[in-house]
């Protein structure tokens, strides 16, 4: 916080209804406001957290929210948003809780580091086990996993096949495991010599430079719950079915209750099966989507779920959407996050429409969909276009909503611009009603210093 007039804004996209706690920590005197996507004030607080920090706890429906942080003076703070869930975690790898893998700098910067940790509870000494999943994004990451608290804990680190990689009994206290790991899914199995609560934290070596990013996920995915690929609400993932015996498995973690629609798109005849974290089949479908694709709609409680995709040999895209509603917010505050792909992604995934986000114009000339685009680096050559026969037009705006470009050509729109790092918005409308898809991609003109190193 730079002064009394300085306000920092943060966006939260909630995939389901849940109770959320937002608070700060540190030496600064902070004030917090929780806002709806339309800017309406939901709650505010100052002083309910530790020291001079704020704490807000609210029951929220699925949607977009903003947190505004201000203060009476100047200084640093750490902000966190947590789900107020039961601390006892799943007892199998398939029902495991996701554990964020932080970078070294994050752990060094945020104090206390307990702000970054996840909670667990041992209900019965020597018998109860909690499982956490860690996804390592690239090869050669030096990973540390440790517990904190007064409970005497033990841990084993397992790979995606559940083979033991390392273990630590922790002596008379907390465990700590350090290993260099390649990209993939890993599991931390936590037990205890006594019952009680604990916290667990994982971190790894940071990239050698700011532009070092993990490659786009491979199109061939794991065939079990333990080796599944993580997916989120919104952007599609691409896959490739090798033949009749090939199955791709995707994991989605719901923070709250929501109706979720799973479907595929593309030229391949696909079959989908939805299972819960215990492996129980909830639904299966081989039709319902466009052409030979499936669609599954299901009301789901909070927790992990697995989608199995099989069928004929070929490529496909799979996505999960809330309520199956492809009509998006009509303001910047209510905008939908639009995935920004690289030129290589678009060149290698065919048809590139598999990467696009579905949308619908409900009323010609009056309905508008707004998408948010986050550009990570300066001097990025960006292309945004719609896909499909619908006659659409679009405007590109910066974070202050100043117009940067527009296109109203017959049919699909296409906007090209060179943008610096920051937040941008794409407003899409139509001269007719119907469905369309939107796609954004590009690359920075600034060469990465550590490229190919």
Protein backbone atom coordinates (compact mmCIF):
# COMPACT_ATOMS: atom_id res chain seq x y z
CA UNK A 1 0.00 0.00 0.00
CA UNK A 2 1.58 3.27 -1.15
CA UNK A 3 -0.72 5.58 0.78
CA UNK A 4 -4.23 6.38 1.94
CA UNK A 5 -5.48 6.80 -1.66
CA UNK A 6 -3.95 3.57 -2.97
CA UNK A 7 -6.31 0.63 -3.60
CA UNK A 8 -5.30 -2.81 -4.91
CA UNK A 9 -7.91 -4.92 -6.70
CA UNK A 10 -7.97 -8.72 -7.02
CA UNK A 11 -10.33 -10.90 -9.02
CA UNK A 12 -11.75 -14.25 -7.82
CA UNK A 13 -13.57 -16.61 -10.21
CA UNK A 14 -15.67 -19.02 -8.15
CA UNK A 15 -16.74 -22.19 -9.96
CA UNK A 16 -19.47 -23.13 -7.46
CA UNK A 17 -21.32 -21.91 -4.39
CA UNK A 18 -19.04 -21.96 -1.33
CA UNK A 19 -18.14 -20.19 1.91
CA UNK A 20 -15.02 -18.11 1.25
CA UNK A 21 -12.71 -16.41 3.74
CA UNK A 22 -10.58 -13.51 2.48
CA UNK A 23 -8.00 -11.94 4.78
CA UNK A 24 -4.63 -10.24 4.96
CA UNK A 25 -1.58 -10.80 7.14
CA UNK A 26 1.44 -8.69 7.91
CA UNK A 27 2.36 -5.50 9.73
CA UNK A 28 0.24 -3.11 7.63
CA UNK A 29 -3.12 -1.74 8.77
CA UNK A 30 -5.46 -2.95 6.00
CA UNK A 31 -9.11 -2.55 5.04
CA UNK A 32 -10.89 -4.95 2.72
CA UNK A 33 -14.00 -4.80 0.58
CA UNK A 34 -15.62 -7.78 -1.16
CA UNK A 35 -17.46 -6.75 -4.33
CA UNK A 36 -19.77 -8.56 -6.72
CA UNK A 37 -18.90 -8.67 -10.41
CA UNK A 38 -21.15 -5.65 -11.02
CA UNK A 39 -19.29 -3.64 -8.38
CA UNK A 40 -21.92 -3.92 -5.64
CA UNK A 41 -20.48 -4.03 -2.11
CA UNK A 42 -21.05 -7.40 -0.41
CA UNK A 43 -19.01 -6.89 2.76
CA UNK A 44 -16.20 -4.79 4.22
CA UNK A 45 -13.95 -5.12 7.24
CA UNK A 46 -10.92 -3.73 9.03
CA UNK A 47 -9.36 -5.22 12.11
CA UNK A 48 -11.11 -8.61 12.39
CA UNK A 49 -7.97 -10.50 11.34
CA UNK A 50 -4.70 -10.83 13.26
CA UNK A 51 -3.18 -7.51 14.27
CA UNK A 52 -4.47 -4.68 12.09
CA UNK A 53 -5.56 -6.96 9.25
CA UNK A 54 -9.05 -7.50 7.85
CA UNK A 55 -10.99 -10.76 7.55
CA UNK A 56 -14.18 -11.30 5.54
CA UNK A 57 -16.15 -14.57 5.47
CA UNK A 58 -19.14 -14.86 3.14
CA UNK A 59 -21.38 -17.49 1.52
CA UNK A 60 -21.00 -16.89 -2.23
CA UNK A 61 -22.67 -18.27 -5.34
CA UNK A 62 -20.70 -19.20 -8.44
CA UNK A 63 -19.46 -16.15 -10.33
CA UNK A 64 -16.93 -13.32 -10.49
CA UNK A 65 -15.91 -11.35 -7.40
CA UNK A 66 -13.39 -8.63 -6.59
CA UNK A 67 -11.43 -7.82 -3.43
CA UNK A 68 -10.34 -4.22 -2.85
CA UNK A 69 -7.46 -3.76 -0.39
CA UNK A 70 -6.57 -0.35 1.06
CA UNK A 71 -4.95 0.94 4.24
CA UNK A 72 -4.39 3.89 6.53
CA UNK A 73 -0.65 4.06 5.92
CA UNK A 74 1.97 2.45 3.71
CA UNK A 75 3.44 -1.03 3.77
CA UNK A 76 3.34 -4.59 2.46
CA UNK A 77 0.71 -7.24 3.10
CA UNK A 78 -0.15 -10.80 2.08
CA UNK A 79 -3.66 -11.56 0.81
CA UNK A 80 -5.27 -14.99 0.77
CA UNK A 81 -8.67 -16.44 -0.13
CA UNK A 82 -9.61 -19.81 1.32
CA UNK A 83 -12.59 -22.14 1.29
CA UNK A 84 -13.80 -22.78 4.83
CA UNK A 85 -13.91 -26.53 4.29
CA UNK A 86 -13.44 -29.48 6.63
CA UNK A 87 -9.75 -29.98 7.32
CA UNK A 88 -9.79 -33.80 7.03
CA UNK A 89 -8.66 -34.65 3.49
CA UNK A 90 -9.39 -37.60 1.19
CA UNK A 91 -8.06 -41.01 2.18
CA UNK A 92 -7.06 -42.13 -1.34
CA UNK A 93 -5.08 -40.66 -4.22
CA UNK A 94 -8.27 -40.36 -6.28
CA UNK A 95 -9.99 -38.35 -3.53
CA UNK A 96 -6.88 -36.30 -2.73
CA UNK A 97 -6.88 -32.56 -2.14
CA UNK A 98 -4.91 -30.38 -4.56
CA UNK A 99 -1.76 -28.93 -3.02
CA UNK A 100 -0.38 -25.79 -4.66
CA UNK A 101 3.30 -25.96 -5.63
CA UNK A 102 4.68 -22.51 -4.83
CA UNK A 103 7.95 -21.03 -6.07
CA UNK A 104 10.96 -20.41 -3.83
CA UNK A 105 10.49 -16.65 -4.05
CA UNK A 106 6.84 -16.86 -2.97
CA UNK A 107 7.74 -18.82 0.14
CA UNK A 108 10.56 -16.41 0.97
CA UNK A 109 8.42 -13.31 0.38
CA UNK A 110 5.15 -14.25 2.11
CA UNK A 111 5.47 -14.21 5.88
CA UNK A 112 4.35 -16.18 7.73
CA UNK A 113 4.64 -18.95 5.11
CA UNK A 114 1.74 -20.69 6.89
CA UNK A 115 -0.47 -18.37 4.82
CA UNK A 116 0.40 -20.55 1.82
CA UNK A 117 -0.17 -23.90 3.50
CA UNK A 118 -3.13 -26.28 3.35
CA UNK A 119 -4.79 -27.77 6.42
CA UNK A 120 -5.26 -31.40 7.37
CA UNK A 121 -6.32 -33.45 10.36
CA UNK A 122 -5.31 -36.88 11.62
CA UNK A 123 -8.41 -38.43 13.21
CA UNK A 124 -6.81 -41.67 14.37
CA UNK A 125 -3.10 -42.21 15.06
CA UNK A 126 -1.52 -44.90 12.91
CA UNK A 127 -4.69 -45.48 10.85
CA UNK A 128 -5.96 -42.25 9.25
CA UNK A 129 -4.20 -41.15 6.04
CA UNK A 130 -4.65 -37.87 4.13
CA UNK A 131 -3.69 -37.57 0.46
CA UNK A 132 -2.58 -34.41 -1.36
CA UNK A 133 -1.87 -34.13 -5.09
CA UNK A 134 1.04 -32.03 -6.41
CA UNK A 135 1.37 -31.28 -10.14
CA UNK A 136 4.97 -30.54 -11.15
CA UNK A 137 4.93 -28.47 -14.37
CA UNK A 138 8.35 -29.30 -15.84
CA UNK A 139 11.35 -31.60 -15.46
CA UNK A 140 14.10 -31.05 -12.92
CA UNK A 141 12.17 -29.13 -10.23
CA UNK A 142 13.70 -29.24 -6.73
CA UNK A 143 10.59 -29.84 -4.59
CA UNK A 144 10.26 -29.54 -0.80
CA UNK A 145 7.16 -30.76 1.08
CA UNK A 146 6.86 -30.25 4.82
CA UNK A 147 4.30 -30.17 7.59
CA UNK A 148 3.88 -27.61 10.36
CA UNK A 149 2.11 -27.64 13.70
CA UNK A 150 2.16 -29.55 16.98
CA UNK A 151 0.94 -32.92 15.60
CA UNK A 152 3.60 -35.62 15.09
CA UNK A 153 3.20 -36.40 11.36
CA UNK A 154 4.77 -38.78 8.83
CA UNK A 155 4.68 -38.69 5.04
CA UNK A 156 5.41 -40.65 1.88
CA UNK A 157 5.89 -39.05 -1.54
CA UNK A 158 4.35 -41.19 -4.32
CA UNK A 159 4.46 -40.89 -8.11
CA UNK A 160 1.45 -41.19 -10.43
CA UNK A 161 1.67 -44.99 -10.30
CA UNK A 162 1.63 -44.72 -6.46
CA UNK A 163 5.20 -46.04 -6.22
CA UNK A 164 7.10 -44.59 -3.26
CA UNK A 165 9.61 -41.89 -4.20
CA UNK A 166 10.60 -40.84 -0.67
CA UNK A 167 9.40 -40.88 2.92
CA UNK A 168 10.09 -39.13 6.21
CA UNK A 169 8.93 -40.08 9.70
CA UNK A 170 9.55 -36.61 11.03
CA UNK A 171 11.13 -37.85 14.25
CA UNK A 172 9.07 -36.45 17.10
CA UNK A 173 7.51 -33.66 15.06
CA UNK A 174 6.99 -32.52 11.49
CA UNK A 175 8.14 -34.23 8.29
CA UNK A 176 10.16 -32.69 5.47
CA UNK A 177 10.82 -34.35 2.10
CA UNK A 178 13.18 -32.91 -0.54
CA UNK A 179 13.46 -34.41 -4.02
CA UNK A 180 14.21 -33.37 -7.62
CA UNK A 181 11.14 -34.32 -9.66
CA UNK A 182 10.24 -34.43 -13.34
CA UNK A 183 6.94 -33.15 -14.73
CA UNK A 184 3.87 -35.10 -13.67
CA UNK A 185 1.36 -35.82 -10.91
CA UNK A 186 2.64 -36.80 -7.44
CA UNK A 187 0.90 -37.58 -4.16
CA UNK A 188 1.79 -36.83 -0.55
CA UNK A 189 0.43 -39.46 1.85
CA UNK A 190 0.29 -37.98 5.37
CA UNK A 191 -0.17 -40.04 8.52
CA UNK A 192 0.48 -39.39 12.19
CA UNK A 193 1.71 -40.93 15.43
CA UNK A 194 -1.02 -38.96 17.17
CA UNK A 195 -4.36 -37.38 16.32
CA UNK A 196 -4.65 -33.66 15.64
CA UNK A 197 -4.53 -30.86 13.06
CA UNK A 198 -1.53 -29.97 10.92
CA UNK A 199 -0.57 -27.82 7.94
CA UNK A 200 1.29 -28.89 4.81
CA UNK A 201 3.24 -26.74 2.34
CA UNK A 202 5.00 -27.56 -0.96
CA UNK A 203 7.37 -25.41 -2.96
CA UNK A 204 9.90 -25.80 -5.76
CA UNK A 205 12.68 -24.05 -7.61
CA UNK A 206 11.55 -21.12 -9.71
CA UNK A 207 12.09 -20.82 -13.49
CA UNK A 208 15.46 -19.43 -14.52
CA UNK A 209 13.78 -16.38 -16.00
CA UNK A 210 10.38 -14.67 -16.08
CA UNK A 211 9.44 -16.01 -19.51
CA UNK A 212 10.11 -19.66 -18.69
CA UNK A 213 6.70 -21.31 -18.90
CA UNK A 214 5.54 -24.93 -18.97
CA UNK A 215 4.68 -26.25 -22.40
CA UNK A 216 1.06 -26.73 -23.34
CA UNK A 217 -0.26 -30.04 -22.03
CA UNK A 218 0.34 -33.01 -24.32
CA UNK A 219 -2.62 -34.31 -26.29
CA UNK A 220 -2.17 -37.82 -24.86
CA UNK A 221 -3.34 -37.90 -21.25
CA UNK A 222 -3.08 -40.35 -18.37
CA UNK A 223 -5.47 -43.29 -18.36
CA UNK A 224 -6.09 -43.52 -14.60
CA UNK A 225 -7.37 -41.24 -11.85
CA UNK A 226 -3.86 -41.10 -10.38
CA UNK A 227 -2.25 -39.98 -13.67
CA UNK A 228 -5.17 -37.79 -14.78
CA UNK A 229 -4.77 -34.31 -16.28
CA UNK A 230 -6.14 -31.38 -14.27
CA UNK A 231 -8.85 -29.36 -16.01
CA UNK A 232 -10.69 -26.24 -14.91
CA UNK A 233 -14.03 -24.65 -15.65
CA UNK A 234 -13.87 -22.76 -18.94
CA UNK A 235 -10.95 -23.22 -21.35
CA UNK A 236 -10.89 -26.43 -23.41
CA UNK A 237 -8.12 -29.02 -23.36
CA UNK A 238 -7.12 -30.99 -26.44
CA UNK A 239 -6.67 -34.74 -26.57
CA UNK A 240 -5.84 -37.58 -28.92
CA UNK A 241 -7.42 -41.03 -28.77
CA UNK A 242 -5.05 -43.69 -30.08
CA UNK A 243 -7.66 -46.43 -30.52
CA UNK A 244 -10.40 -48.50 -28.93
CA UNK A 245 -8.36 -49.34 -25.82
CA UNK A 246 -7.14 -45.79 -25.16
CA UNK A 247 -8.82 -43.76 -22.39
CA UNK A 248 -7.92 -40.19 -21.38
CA UNK A 249 -8.81 -39.21 -17.81
CA UNK A 250 -9.31 -35.62 -16.61
CA UNK A 251 -9.74 -34.39 -13.04
CA UNK A 252 -11.83 -31.38 -12.03
CA UNK A 253 -12.06 -30.05 -8.47
CA UNK A 254 -15.22 -28.18 -7.51
CA UNK A 255 -14.98 -25.62 -4.72
CA UNK A 256 -18.74 -25.60 -4.24
CA UNK A 257 -22.01 -27.02 -5.53
CA UNK A 258 -22.65 -26.39 -9.22
CA UNK A 259 -24.30 -27.79 -12.33
CA UNK A 260 -21.46 -28.66 -14.69
CA UNK A 261 -21.67 -29.59 -18.37
CA UNK A 262 -18.86 -31.73 -19.78
CA UNK A 263 -18.63 -32.05 -23.55
CA UNK A 264 -16.25 -32.70 -26.40
CA UNK A 265 -15.91 -31.01 -29.79
CA UNK A 266 -14.15 -32.00 -32.97
CA UNK A 267 -14.29 -34.63 -35.72
CA UNK A 268 -13.87 -37.70 -33.47
CA UNK A 269 -16.66 -40.00 -32.21
CA UNK A 270 -16.22 -39.77 -28.41
CA UNK A 271 -17.72 -41.40 -25.31
CA UNK A 272 -17.65 -39.77 -21.86
CA UNK A 273 -17.95 -41.28 -18.39
CA UNK A 274 -18.13 -39.14 -15.24
CA UNK A 275 -17.02 -40.58 -11.88
CA UNK A 276 -16.70 -39.21 -8.38
CA UNK A 277 -13.55 -39.34 -6.26
CA UNK A 278 -14.48 -42.84 -5.03
CA UNK A 279 -14.67 -44.12 -8.61
CA UNK A 280 -18.47 -44.47 -8.67
CA UNK A 281 -19.95 -43.90 -12.12
CA UNK A 282 -22.29 -40.90 -12.13
CA UNK A 283 -23.12 -40.63 -15.83
CA UNK A 284 -22.07 -41.82 -19.26
CA UNK A 285 -22.91 -40.52 -22.74
CA UNK A 286 -21.85 -40.93 -26.36
CA UNK A 287 -24.22 -38.34 -27.82
CA UNK A 288 -25.66 -34.95 -26.96
CA UNK A 289 -22.82 -32.78 -28.19
CA UNK A 290 -22.18 -31.43 -31.69
CA UNK A 291 -21.81 -34.08 -34.44
CA UNK A 292 -20.40 -37.29 -32.89
CA UNK A 293 -19.43 -35.70 -29.56
CA UNK A 294 -20.90 -36.34 -26.11
CA UNK A 295 -22.39 -33.97 -23.55
CA UNK A 296 -22.96 -34.72 -19.85
CA UNK A 297 -24.81 -32.31 -17.54
CA UNK A 298 -24.79 -33.06 -13.82
CA UNK A 299 -25.45 -31.23 -10.56
CA UNK A 300 -22.37 -31.85 -8.41
CA UNK A 301 -21.40 -31.27 -4.79
CA UNK A 302 -17.93 -29.96 -3.83
CA UNK A 303 -15.07 -32.40 -4.39
CA UNK A 304 -12.91 -34.07 -7.03
CA UNK A 305 -14.44 -35.67 -10.14
CA UNK A 306 -13.00 -37.61 -13.06
CA UNK A 307 -14.05 -37.55 -16.70
CA UNK A 308 -13.01 -40.50 -18.86
CA UNK A 309 -12.90 -39.85 -22.62
CA UNK A 310 -12.73 -42.77 -25.07
CA UNK A 311 -13.99 -43.59 -28.56
CA UNK A 312 -12.68 -43.82 -32.08
CA UNK A 313 -9.11 -42.83 -32.94
CA UNK A 314 -8.64 -39.10 -33.52
CA UNK A 315 -8.30 -35.67 -31.94
CA UNK A 316 -10.85 -33.85 -29.78
CA UNK A 317 -11.27 -30.94 -27.37
CA UNK A 318 -12.94 -31.37 -23.97
CA UNK A 319 -14.34 -28.66 -21.73
CA UNK A 320 -16.34 -28.15 -18.54
CA UNK A 321 -18.80 -25.27 -18.29
CA UNK A 322 -21.07 -24.07 -15.49
CA UNK A 323 -24.70 -24.86 -16.24
CA UNK A 324 -24.00 -25.25 -19.92
CA UNK A 325 -24.63 -21.54 -20.37
CA UNK A 326 -22.44 -20.17 -23.15
CA UNK A 327 -23.87 -16.65 -22.80
CA UNK A 328 -21.23 -14.53 -21.06
CA UNK A 329 -21.20 -11.39 -18.90
CA UNK A 330 -21.87 -8.07 -20.63
CA UNK A 331 -19.50 -5.85 -18.62
CA UNK A 332 -15.79 -5.88 -17.85
CA UNK A 333 -16.59 -6.70 -14.23
CA UNK A 334 -18.59 -9.78 -15.23
CA UNK A 335 -16.30 -10.79 -18.09
CA UNK A 336 -15.24 -14.36 -18.86
CA UNK A 337 -11.53 -15.20 -18.74
CA UNK A 338 -10.27 -15.98 -22.25
CA UNK A 339 -7.26 -18.29 -22.55
CA UNK A 340 -4.34 -16.70 -24.43
CA UNK A 341 -2.55 -19.29 -26.56
CA UNK A 342 0.83 -19.11 -28.29
CA UNK A 343 1.33 -19.23 -32.05
CA UNK A 344 2.79 -22.74 -31.65
CA UNK A 345 -0.38 -23.90 -29.91
CA UNK A 346 -2.53 -22.66 -32.78
CA UNK A 347 -0.16 -24.10 -35.40
CA UNK A 348 0.04 -27.54 -33.78
CA UNK A 349 -3.58 -28.12 -32.73
CA UNK A 350 -5.84 -28.71 -35.73
CA UNK A 351 -8.50 -27.58 -36.17
CA UNK A 352 -7.60 -24.54 -34.07
CA UNK A 353 -11.31 -24.14 -33.29
CA UNK A 354 -10.69 -26.88 -30.71
CA UNK A 355 -8.95 -24.21 -28.59
CA UNK A 356 -11.76 -21.67 -28.82
CA UNK A 357 -14.38 -20.69 -26.23
CA UNK A 358 -18.09 -21.19 -27.01
CA UNK A 359 -20.54 -18.29 -26.80
CA UNK A 360 -24.01 -17.28 -27.99
CA UNK A 361 -25.66 -14.03 -29.09
CA UNK A 362 -29.23 -14.02 -27.74
CA UNK A 363 -30.39 -10.73 -29.27
CA UNK A 364 -29.00 -9.11 -32.40
CA UNK A 365 -27.40 -5.68 -31.87
CA UNK A 366 -28.28 -5.56 -28.13
CA UNK A 367 -26.68 -8.64 -26.51
CA UNK A 368 -22.96 -8.30 -25.83
CA UNK A 369 -20.41 -10.78 -24.47
CA UNK A 370 -17.28 -9.46 -22.75
CA UNK A 371 -14.08 -11.49 -22.41
CA UNK A 372 -11.03 -10.64 -20.32
CA UNK A 373 -7.60 -11.24 -21.86
CA UNK A 374 -4.44 -11.18 -19.69
CA UNK A 375 -1.27 -10.51 -21.72
CA UNK A 376 1.86 -11.67 -19.82
CA UNK A 377 4.63 -9.82 -21.71
CA UNK A 378 5.30 -6.51 -23.46
CA UNK A 379 5.23 -6.09 -27.26
CA UNK A 380 3.01 -9.12 -27.86
CA UNK A 381 1.48 -9.48 -31.33
CA UNK A 382 -2.11 -10.52 -30.54
CA UNK A 383 -4.80 -11.92 -32.83
CA UNK A 384 -8.41 -12.29 -31.66
CA UNK A 385 -11.05 -13.75 -33.94
CA UNK A 386 -14.41 -15.43 -33.90
CA UNK A 387 -15.09 -18.83 -35.45
CA UNK A 388 -18.28 -19.91 -37.19
CA UNK A 389 -20.81 -18.57 -39.67
CA UNK A 390 -22.42 -16.04 -37.29
CA UNK A 391 -22.02 -12.38 -38.33
CA UNK A 392 -20.19 -10.94 -35.30
CA UNK A 393 -18.36 -7.69 -34.58
CA UNK A 394 -15.94 -6.83 -31.77
CA UNK A 395 -14.05 -4.08 -29.95
CA UNK A 396 -10.75 -4.41 -28.10
CA UNK A 397 -10.33 -2.22 -25.00
CA UNK A 398 -7.57 -1.71 -22.43
CA UNK A 399 -8.03 -1.87 -18.64
CA UNK A 400 -9.35 1.72 -18.58
CA UNK A 401 -11.89 0.63 -21.28
CA UNK A 402 -10.32 2.85 -23.92
CA UNK A 403 -10.97 1.44 -27.39
CA UNK A 404 -7.84 0.07 -29.08
CA UNK A 405 -9.35 -1.57 -32.14
CA UNK A 406 -12.55 -2.90 -33.71
CA UNK A 407 -13.75 -5.01 -36.62
CA UNK A 408 -17.22 -5.17 -38.21
CA UNK A 409 -16.46 -7.17 -41.32
CA UNK A 410 -19.10 -9.43 -42.86
CA UNK A 411 -19.13 -12.74 -41.00
CA UNK A 412 -16.52 -13.49 -38.35
CA UNK A 413 -14.45 -10.66 -36.84
CA UNK A 414 -10.65 -10.52 -36.61
CA UNK A 415 -8.62 -7.98 -34.61
CA UNK A 416 -4.82 -7.77 -34.66
CA UNK A 417 -2.84 -5.53 -32.30
CA UNK A 418 0.54 -5.27 -30.57
CA UNK A 419 -0.06 -5.07 -26.82
CA UNK A 420 2.06 -4.62 -23.72
CA UNK A 421 1.61 -6.72 -20.59
CA UNK A 422 -1.68 -6.04 -18.85
CA UNK A 423 -5.43 -6.63 -18.76
CA UNK A 424 -7.59 -6.18 -21.86
CA UNK A 425 -11.24 -6.76 -22.75
CA UNK A 426 -12.94 -7.99 -25.93
CA UNK A 427 -16.56 -6.92 -26.47
CA UNK A 428 -18.43 -9.17 -28.91
CA UNK A 429 -21.87 -8.50 -30.41
CA UNK A 430 -23.72 -9.76 -33.46
CA UNK A 431 -25.90 -8.63 -36.36
CA UNK A 432 -27.86 -11.86 -35.88
CA UNK A 433 -28.53 -14.37 -33.14
CA UNK A 434 -26.75 -17.68 -32.80
CA UNK A 435 -23.67 -19.45 -31.57
CA UNK A 436 -20.03 -18.61 -32.20
CA UNK A 437 -16.59 -19.36 -30.78
CA UNK A 438 -13.78 -16.96 -29.92
CA UNK A 439 -10.01 -17.55 -29.92
CA UNK A 440 -7.00 -15.41 -28.95
CA UNK A 441 -3.31 -16.10 -29.53
CA UNK A 442 0.06 -14.45 -30.07
CA UNK A 443 3.73 -14.18 -29.16
CA UNK A 444 5.94 -11.44 -27.77
CA UNK A 445 8.49 -9.71 -30.00
CA UNK A 446 10.85 -9.64 -27.00
CA UNK A 447 13.10 -12.70 -27.07
CA UNK A 448 13.31 -14.72 -23.90
CA UNK A 449 16.83 -14.48 -22.42
CA UNK A 450 16.76 -18.11 -21.32
CA UNK A 451 15.20 -19.57 -24.46
CA UNK A 452 16.58 -23.00 -25.31
CA UNK A 453 18.93 -22.96 -22.31
